[in-house]
Amino acid sequence: MDAHGSSSCPIPAGIAGVDGVPGGWVVARVSGGRVAWAVVASAAAVLEATAGYAAVGVDIPLGLPVGTSPRACDVACARRLGRARSSVFPAPPRPVLAASTPDEAFAVARRLTGRAISLQTFHIGPKIREWDALVLPDHVVEVHPEVSLRTLAPDVGFAPKKTARGAGQRIAALARWLDVGEALGDLPSGARLDDVLDALAAAWSAQRWAEGMADVLGEEVDDRGRPMRVIV
């Protein structure tokens, strides 16, 4: 493993990182150190765009809890992030995602878990539902870009990602892995800077998973047999 936490051995196929954008998903497809970008409208389209890849890291909950306890992976992510733990939105039970209004979602969450979800969690509910409706291949894994970045660059005290300082820190951290300047030179329309940097961080964790080098946070399985874990 090299100084940046990634093996120098070649991976068997390309890898990809995926993050949500308004109206769809941005996909960073990495092969041979080069990045090809795509913005697609649905989770199903992400799977089509990454068919045959060695690993695909997605910044969205892929396994959903049942009962009152949070997912162990969400607890582990919050623990790793420390003061930045507010970026972890614990995955809600599946019935919460069926709510059509925030108040309804809050009420269902309180009934099932004893506590309400955040408004941010309600707003990403449709994106969680997209992935929950699919049959996922084994090479598609859940990631958390903020945990990925702090693992890639543990010496950096990251500022919020929507600030100029935070963006610069994330670009510098990712440059330890690949040529970010080249990767950002031809971005697709419909993707914001913080989204594409999250997608690259997700791809970094996907590469570690493909190489057998990743940290695995949580090893639970949900009621449908889907893993509840975060790959770093």
C-alpha atoms as a PDB file:
ATOM      1  CA  MET A   1       0.000   0.000   0.000  1.00  0.00           C
ATOM      2  CA  ASP A   2       1.381   3.464  -0.823  1.00  0.00           C
ATOM      3  CA  ALA A   3       1.578   6.497   1.417  1.00  0.00           C
ATOM      4  CA  HIS A   4      -1.905   7.614   0.473  1.00  0.00           C
ATOM      5  CA  GLY A   5      -3.712   4.455   1.516  1.00  0.00           C
ATOM      6  CA  SER A   6      -4.166   2.861  -1.910  1.00  0.00           C
ATOM      7  CA  SER A   7      -2.410  -0.121  -3.396  1.00  0.00           C
ATOM      8  CA  SER A   8      -0.282   0.433  -6.476  1.00  0.00           C
ATOM      9  CA  CYS A   9      -1.510  -2.833  -7.989  1.00  0.00           C
ATOM     10  CA  PRO A  10      -3.858  -2.372 -10.959  1.00  0.00           C
ATOM     11  CA  ILE A  11      -7.533  -3.052 -10.390  1.00  0.00           C
ATOM     12  CA  PRO A  12      -9.235  -5.612 -12.655  1.00  0.00           C
ATOM     13  CA  ALA A  13     -11.603  -3.069 -14.225  1.00  0.00           C
ATOM     14  CA  GLY A  14     -12.634   0.540 -13.834  1.00  0.00           C
ATOM     15  CA  ILE A  15     -14.169   1.843 -10.632  1.00  0.00           C
ATOM     16  CA  ALA A  16     -16.702   4.596 -10.077  1.00  0.00           C
ATOM     17  CA  GLY A  17     -17.991   7.002  -7.465  1.00  0.00           C
ATOM     18  CA  VAL A  18     -21.551   8.297  -7.399  1.00  0.00           C
ATOM     19  CA  ASP A  19     -23.144  11.291  -5.687  1.00  0.00           C
ATOM     20  CA  GLY A  20     -26.577  12.821  -5.935  1.00  0.00           C
ATOM     21  CA  VAL A  21     -27.225  16.017  -7.879  1.00  0.00           C
ATOM     22  CA  PRO A  22     -30.482  17.874  -8.499  1.00  0.00           C
ATOM     23  CA  GLY A  23     -32.522  15.660 -10.785  1.00  0.00           C
ATOM     24  CA  GLY A  24     -30.133  12.729 -10.846  1.00  0.00           C
ATOM     25  CA  TRP A  25     -26.641  11.447 -10.136  1.00  0.00           C
ATOM     26  CA  VAL A  26     -23.099  12.413 -11.066  1.00  0.00           C
ATOM     27  CA  VAL A  27     -20.841   9.461 -11.858  1.00  0.00           C
ATOM     28  CA  ALA A  28     -17.035   9.642 -11.763  1.00  0.00           C
ATOM     29  CA  ARG A  29     -15.754   6.672 -13.770  1.00  0.00           C
ATOM     30  CA  VAL A  30     -12.050   6.101 -13.124  1.00  0.00           C
ATOM     31  CA  SER A  31      -9.824   3.875 -15.216  1.00  0.00           C
ATOM     32  CA  GLY A  32      -6.060   4.071 -15.652  1.00  0.00           C
ATOM     33  CA  GLY A  33      -5.949   7.199 -13.504  1.00  0.00           C
ATOM     34  CA  ARG A  34      -8.284   9.097 -15.859  1.00  0.00           C
ATOM     35  CA  VAL A  35     -11.787  10.252 -14.998  1.00  0.00           C
ATOM     36  CA  ALA A  36     -14.798  10.193 -17.318  1.00  0.00           C
ATOM     37  CA  TRP A  37     -17.874  12.021 -16.063  1.00  0.00           C
ATOM     38  CA  ALA A  38     -21.558  11.406 -16.576  1.00  0.00           C
ATOM     39  CA  VAL A  39     -24.733  12.875 -15.145  1.00  0.00           C
ATOM     40  CA  VAL A  40     -27.648  10.468 -15.342  1.00  0.00           C
ATOM     41  CA  ALA A  41     -31.271  10.728 -14.317  1.00  0.00           C
ATOM     42  CA  SER A  42     -31.760   7.596 -12.231  1.00  0.00           C
ATOM     43  CA  ALA A  43     -30.109   4.958 -10.083  1.00  0.00           C
ATOM     44  CA  ALA A  44     -30.932   2.397 -12.761  1.00  0.00           C
ATOM     45  CA  ALA A  45     -29.010   4.521 -15.266  1.00  0.00           C
ATOM     46  CA  VAL A  46     -26.029   4.557 -12.888  1.00  0.00           C
ATOM     47  CA  LEU A  47     -25.973   0.760 -12.963  1.00  0.00           C
ATOM     48  CA  GLU A  48     -26.105   0.806 -16.759  1.00  0.00           C
ATOM     49  CA  ALA A  49     -23.262   3.331 -16.959  1.00  0.00           C
ATOM     50  CA  THR A  50     -21.054   1.268 -14.629  1.00  0.00           C
ATOM     51  CA  ALA A  51     -21.865  -2.259 -15.809  1.00  0.00           C
ATOM     52  CA  GLY A  52     -18.790  -4.463 -15.610  1.00  0.00           C
ATOM     53  CA  TYR A  53     -16.905  -2.173 -13.255  1.00  0.00           C
ATOM     54  CA  ALA A  54     -14.877  -3.652 -10.412  1.00  0.00           C
ATOM     55  CA  ALA A  55     -16.574  -1.490  -7.764  1.00  0.00           C
ATOM     56  CA  VAL A  56     -19.030   1.392  -7.565  1.00  0.00           C
ATOM     57  CA  GLY A  57     -19.213   3.542  -4.430  1.00  0.00           C
ATOM     58  CA  VAL A  58     -22.530   5.319  -3.876  1.00  0.00           C
ATOM     59  CA  ASP A  59     -23.144   8.085  -1.356  1.00  0.00           C
ATOM     60  CA  ILE A  60     -26.614   6.915  -0.285  1.00  0.00           C
ATOM     61  CA  PRO A  61     -27.931   4.393   2.259  1.00  0.00           C
ATOM     62  CA  LEU A  62     -28.257   1.017   0.560  1.00  0.00           C
ATOM     63  CA  GLY A  63     -29.489  -1.083   3.494  1.00  0.00           C
ATOM     64  CA  LEU A  64     -32.248   0.194   5.782  1.00  0.00           C
ATOM     65  CA  PRO A  65     -32.748  -0.467   9.513  1.00  0.00           C
ATOM     66  CA  VAL A  66     -35.697  -2.038  11.275  1.00  0.00           C
ATOM     67  CA  GLY A  67     -36.546  -1.177  14.858  1.00  0.00           C
ATOM     68  CA  THR A  68     -35.313   1.495  17.211  1.00  0.00           C
ATOM     69  CA  SER A  69     -31.540   1.133  16.871  1.00  0.00           C
ATOM     70  CA  PRO A  70     -29.542   3.127  14.312  1.00  0.00           C
ATOM     71  CA  ARG A  71     -27.344   1.296  11.848  1.00  0.00           C
ATOM     72  CA  ALA A  72     -23.958   0.410  13.300  1.00  0.00           C
ATOM     73  CA  CYS A  73     -22.288   1.904  10.212  1.00  0.00           C
ATOM     74  CA  ASP A  74     -23.939   5.287  10.817  1.00  0.00           C
ATOM     75  CA  VAL A  75     -22.753   5.266  14.420  1.00  0.00           C
ATOM     76  CA  ALA A  76     -19.241   4.329  13.275  1.00  0.00           C
ATOM     77  CA  CYS A  77     -19.185   7.082  10.636  1.00  0.00           C
ATOM     78  CA  ALA A  78     -20.269   9.685  13.187  1.00  0.00           C
ATOM     79  CA  ARG A  79     -17.578   8.480  15.568  1.00  0.00           C
ATOM     80  CA  ARG A  80     -14.902   8.792  12.877  1.00  0.00           C
ATOM     81  CA  LEU A  81     -16.035  12.274  11.884  1.00  0.00           C
ATOM     82  CA  GLY A  82     -16.058  13.674  15.415  1.00  0.00           C
ATOM     83  CA  ARG A  83     -16.995  17.349  15.255  1.00  0.00           C
ATOM     84  CA  ALA A  84     -18.114  16.888  11.632  1.00  0.00           C
ATOM     85  CA  ARG A  85     -20.626  14.204  12.588  1.00  0.00           C
ATOM     86  CA  SER A  86     -23.514  16.414  11.477  1.00  0.00           C
ATOM     87  CA  SER A  87     -22.798  15.268   7.900  1.00  0.00           C
ATOM     88  CA  VAL A  88     -24.076  11.787   8.830  1.00  0.00           C
ATOM     89  CA  PHE A  89     -27.810  11.434   8.209  1.00  0.00           C
ATOM     90  CA  PRO A  90     -28.792   8.128   9.863  1.00  0.00           C
ATOM     91  CA  ALA A  91     -30.705   5.919   7.449  1.00  0.00           C
ATOM     92  CA  PRO A  92     -34.433   5.783   8.264  1.00  0.00           C
ATOM     93  CA  PRO A  93     -36.601   2.647   8.360  1.00  0.00           C
ATOM     94  CA  ARG A  94     -38.283   1.909   5.041  1.00  0.00           C
ATOM     95  CA  PRO A  95     -41.824   3.030   6.096  1.00  0.00           C
ATOM     96  CA  VAL A  96     -40.490   6.532   6.757  1.00  0.00           C
ATOM     97  CA  LEU A  97     -39.569   6.839   3.084  1.00  0.00           C
ATOM     98  CA  ALA A  98     -43.210   6.365   2.088  1.00  0.00           C
ATOM     99  CA  ALA A  99     -44.249   9.576   3.860  1.00  0.00           C
ATOM    100  CA  SER A 100     -45.338  12.360   1.536  1.00  0.00           C
ATOM    101  CA  THR A 101     -44.707  15.323   3.862  1.00  0.00           C
ATOM    102  CA  PRO A 102     -42.011  16.155   6.420  1.00  0.00           C
ATOM    103  CA  ASP A 103     -44.507  16.112   9.285  1.00  0.00           C
ATOM    104  CA  GLU A 104     -45.733  12.667   8.280  1.00  0.00           C
ATOM    105  CA  ALA A 105     -42.161  11.402   8.014  1.00  0.00           C
ATOM    106  CA  PHE A 106     -41.296  12.845  11.425  1.00  0.00           C
ATOM    107  CA  ALA A 107     -44.337  11.163  12.980  1.00  0.00           C
ATOM    108  CA  VAL A 108     -43.620   7.770  11.407  1.00  0.00           C
ATOM    109  CA  ALA A 109     -39.980   7.957  12.466  1.00  0.00           C
ATOM    110  CA  ARG A 110     -40.940   8.799  16.055  1.00  0.00           C
ATOM    111  CA  ARG A 111     -43.383   5.900  16.148  1.00  0.00           C
ATOM    112  CA  LEU A 112     -40.844   3.405  14.799  1.00  0.00           C
ATOM    113  CA  THR A 113     -37.609   4.623  16.366  1.00  0.00           C
ATOM    114  CA  GLY A 114     -38.555   7.026  19.145  1.00  0.00           C
ATOM    115  CA  ARG A 115     -37.012  10.031  17.378  1.00  0.00           C
ATOM    116  CA  ALA A 116     -37.690  12.150  14.306  1.00  0.00           C
ATOM    117  CA  ILE A 117     -35.494  12.218  11.224  1.00  0.00           C
ATOM    118  CA  SER A 118     -33.859  15.427  10.012  1.00  0.00           C
ATOM    119  CA  LEU A 119     -35.406  17.541   7.285  1.00  0.00           C
ATOM    120  CA  GLN A 120     -32.338  16.785   5.147  1.00  0.00           C
ATOM    121  CA  THR A 121     -33.036  13.066   5.464  1.00  0.00           C
ATOM    122  CA  PHE A 122     -36.623  13.619   4.331  1.00  0.00           C
ATOM    123  CA  HIS A 123     -35.425  15.496   1.250  1.00  0.00           C
ATOM    124  CA  ILE A 124     -33.046  12.713   0.184  1.00  0.00           C
ATOM    125  CA  GLY A 125     -35.792  10.137   0.750  1.00  0.00           C
ATOM    126  CA  PRO A 126     -36.686   9.889  -2.979  1.00  0.00           C
ATOM    127  CA  LYS A 127     -33.046   9.138  -3.816  1.00  0.00           C
ATOM    128  CA  ILE A 128     -32.891   6.444  -1.123  1.00  0.00           C
ATOM    129  CA  ARG A 129     -36.080   4.932  -2.554  1.00  0.00           C
ATOM    130  CA  GLU A 130     -34.510   4.789  -6.030  1.00  0.00           C
ATOM    131  CA  TRP A 131     -31.713   2.507  -4.829  1.00  0.00           C
ATOM    132  CA  ASP A 132     -33.962   0.566  -2.472  1.00  0.00           C
ATOM    133  CA  ALA A 133     -36.147  -0.432  -5.433  1.00  0.00           C
ATOM    134  CA  LEU A 134     -33.265  -2.009  -7.364  1.00  0.00           C
ATOM    135  CA  VAL A 135     -31.586  -5.379  -7.210  1.00  0.00           C
ATOM    136  CA  LEU A 136     -27.987  -4.378  -6.594  1.00  0.00           C
ATOM    137  CA  PRO A 137     -24.937  -6.269  -7.837  1.00  0.00           C
ATOM    138  CA  ASP A 138     -22.310  -7.115  -5.228  1.00  0.00           C
ATOM    139  CA  HIS A 139     -19.824  -4.579  -6.554  1.00  0.00           C
ATOM    140  CA  VAL A 140     -22.098  -1.647  -5.658  1.00  0.00           C
ATOM    141  CA  VAL A 141     -21.289  -0.458  -2.131  1.00  0.00           C
ATOM    142  CA  GLU A 142     -22.300   2.369   0.168  1.00  0.00           C
ATOM    143  CA  VAL A 143     -19.721   5.028   0.981  1.00  0.00           C
ATOM    144  CA  HIS A 144     -19.551   8.284   2.938  1.00  0.00           C
ATOM    145  CA  PRO A 145     -17.322  10.837   1.160  1.00  0.00           C
ATOM    146  CA  GLU A 146     -16.526  12.846   4.286  1.00  0.00           C
ATOM    147  CA  VAL A 147     -15.215   9.718   6.004  1.00  0.00           C
ATOM    148  CA  SER A 148     -13.332   8.787   2.830  1.00  0.00           C
ATOM    149  CA  LEU A 149     -11.618  12.167   2.647  1.00  0.00           C
ATOM    150  CA  ARG A 150     -10.573  12.127   6.287  1.00  0.00           C
ATOM    151  CA  THR A 151      -9.131   8.666   5.783  1.00  0.00           C
ATOM    152  CA  LEU A 152      -7.287   9.742   2.638  1.00  0.00           C
ATOM    153  CA  ALA A 153      -5.942  12.895   4.348  1.00  0.00           C
ATOM    154  CA  PRO A 154      -6.009  12.340   8.125  1.00  0.00           C
ATOM    155  CA  ASP A 155      -3.706  15.316   8.686  1.00  0.00           C
ATOM    156  CA  VAL A 156      -6.208  17.844   7.284  1.00  0.00           C
ATOM    157  CA  GLY A 157      -8.757  19.716   9.396  1.00  0.00           C
ATOM    158  CA  PHE A 158     -11.436  20.029   6.743  1.00  0.00           C
ATOM    159  CA  ALA A 159     -13.598  23.149   6.535  1.00  0.00           C
ATOM    160  CA  PRO A 160     -17.228  22.779   5.373  1.00  0.00           C
ATOM    161  CA  LYS A 161     -17.329  21.512   1.817  1.00  0.00           C
ATOM    162  CA  LYS A 162     -19.378  24.392   0.420  1.00  0.00           C
ATOM    163  CA  THR A 163     -16.754  26.966   1.442  1.00  0.00           C
ATOM    164  CA  ALA A 164     -13.836  27.947  -0.777  1.00  0.00           C
ATOM    165  CA  ARG A 165     -11.376  26.703   1.849  1.00  0.00           C
ATOM    166  CA  GLY A 166     -13.204  23.413   2.159  1.00  0.00           C
ATOM    167  CA  ALA A 167     -13.265  22.903  -1.609  1.00  0.00           C
ATOM    168  CA  GLY A 168      -9.565  23.669  -1.867  1.00  0.00           C
ATOM    169  CA  GLN A 169      -8.747  21.230   0.928  1.00  0.00           C
ATOM    170  CA  ARG A 170     -10.747  18.475  -0.754  1.00  0.00           C
ATOM    171  CA  ILE A 171      -9.093  19.088  -4.118  1.00  0.00           C
ATOM    172  CA  ALA A 172      -5.654  18.955  -2.482  1.00  0.00           C
ATOM    173  CA  ALA A 173      -6.535  15.765  -0.595  1.00  0.00           C
ATOM    174  CA  LEU A 174      -7.816  14.011  -3.716  1.00  0.00           C
ATOM    175  CA  ALA A 175      -4.680  15.102  -5.580  1.00  0.00           C
ATOM    176  CA  ARG A 176      -2.802  12.619  -3.378  1.00  0.00           C
ATOM    177  CA  TRP A 177      -4.648   9.952  -5.364  1.00  0.00           C
ATOM    178  CA  LEU A 178      -5.084  11.239  -8.931  1.00  0.00           C
ATOM    179  CA  ASP A 179      -4.686  14.284 -11.145  1.00  0.00           C
ATOM    180  CA  VAL A 180      -7.639  16.324  -9.909  1.00  0.00           C
ATOM    181  CA  GLY A 181      -6.815  19.275 -12.147  1.00  0.00           C
ATOM    182  CA  GLU A 182      -7.234  17.097 -15.200  1.00  0.00           C
ATOM    183  CA  ALA A 183     -10.358  15.465 -13.742  1.00  0.00           C
ATOM    184  CA  LEU A 184     -12.004  18.840 -13.114  1.00  0.00           C
ATOM    185  CA  GLY A 185     -11.079  20.203 -16.525  1.00  0.00           C
ATOM    186  CA  ASP A 186     -14.129  18.814 -18.313  1.00  0.00           C
ATOM    187  CA  LEU A 187     -17.019  18.647 -15.881  1.00  0.00           C
ATOM    188  CA  PRO A 188     -20.534  17.866 -17.088  1.00  0.00           C
ATOM    189  CA  SER A 189     -23.353  20.376 -16.773  1.00  0.00           C
ATOM    190  CA  GLY A 190     -25.731  19.704 -13.928  1.00  0.00           C
ATOM    191  CA  ALA A 191     -23.040  18.879 -11.363  1.00  0.00           C
ATOM    192  CA  ARG A 192     -21.815  21.241  -8.647  1.00  0.00           C
ATOM    193  CA  LEU A 193     -18.209  21.301  -7.438  1.00  0.00           C
ATOM    194  CA  ASP A 194     -18.982  19.766  -4.042  1.00  0.00           C
ATOM    195  CA  ASP A 195     -20.923  16.968  -5.743  1.00  0.00           C
ATOM    196  CA  VAL A 196     -18.103  16.032  -8.126  1.00  0.00           C
ATOM    197  CA  LEU A 197     -15.550  16.097  -5.305  1.00  0.00           C
ATOM    198  CA  ASP A 198     -17.818  13.785  -3.288  1.00  0.00           C
ATOM    199  CA  ALA A 199     -18.073  11.481  -6.308  1.00  0.00           C
ATOM    200  CA  LEU A 200     -14.270  11.354  -6.567  1.00  0.00           C
ATOM    201  CA  ALA A 201     -13.989  10.576  -2.848  1.00  0.00           C
ATOM    202  CA  ALA A 202     -16.568   7.815  -3.328  1.00  0.00           C
ATOM    203  CA  ALA A 203     -14.482   6.439  -6.201  1.00  0.00           C
ATOM    204  CA  TRP A 204     -11.394   6.391  -3.968  1.00  0.00           C
ATOM    205  CA  SER A 205     -13.208   4.173  -1.476  1.00  0.00           C
ATOM    206  CA  ALA A 206     -14.541   2.021  -4.317  1.00  0.00           C
ATOM    207  CA  GLN A 207     -10.985   1.451  -5.519  1.00  0.00           C
ATOM    208  CA  ARG A 208      -9.922   0.395  -2.022  1.00  0.00           C
ATOM    209  CA  TRP A 209     -12.851  -2.039  -1.958  1.00  0.00           C
ATOM    210  CA  ALA A 210     -11.892  -3.487  -5.340  1.00  0.00           C
ATOM    211  CA  GLU A 211      -8.310  -3.955  -4.145  1.00  0.00           C
ATOM    212  CA  GLY A 212      -9.345  -5.578  -0.841  1.00  0.00           C
ATOM    213  CA  MET A 213      -7.817  -2.677   1.110  1.00  0.00           C
ATOM    214  CA  ALA A 214     -10.954  -0.921   2.394  1.00  0.00           C
ATOM    215  CA  ASP A 215     -12.118  -0.406   5.940  1.00  0.00           C
ATOM    216  CA  VAL A 216     -15.620  -1.796   6.465  1.00  0.00           C
ATOM    217  CA  LEU A 217     -17.781   0.062   8.984  1.00  0.00           C
ATOM    218  CA  GLY A 218     -20.679  -2.096  10.162  1.00  0.00           C
ATOM    219  CA  GLU A 219     -21.432  -5.641   9.087  1.00  0.00           C
ATOM    220  CA  GLU A 220     -25.180  -5.862   9.648  1.00  0.00           C
ATOM    221  CA  VAL A 221     -27.801  -7.071   7.189  1.00  0.00           C
ATOM    222  CA  ASP A 222     -31.248  -5.553   6.811  1.00  0.00           C
ATOM    223  CA  ASP A 223     -34.554  -7.431   6.737  1.00  0.00           C
ATOM    224  CA  ARG A 224     -34.210  -8.012   2.977  1.00  0.00           C
ATOM    225  CA  GLY A 225     -30.685  -9.378   3.257  1.00  0.00           C
ATOM    226  CA  ARG A 226     -28.975  -6.219   1.982  1.00  0.00           C
ATOM    227  CA  PRO A 227     -25.707  -5.243   3.724  1.00  0.00           C
ATOM    228  CA  MET A 228     -25.801  -2.267   6.080  1.00  0.00           C
ATOM    229  CA  ARG A 229     -22.183  -1.128   5.923  1.00  0.00           C
ATOM    230  CA  VAL A 230     -20.057   1.804   4.779  1.00  0.00           C
ATOM    231  CA  ILE A 231     -16.926   1.125   2.756  1.00  0.00           C
ATOM    232  CA  VAL A 232     -13.977   3.464   3.326  1.00  0.00           C
END
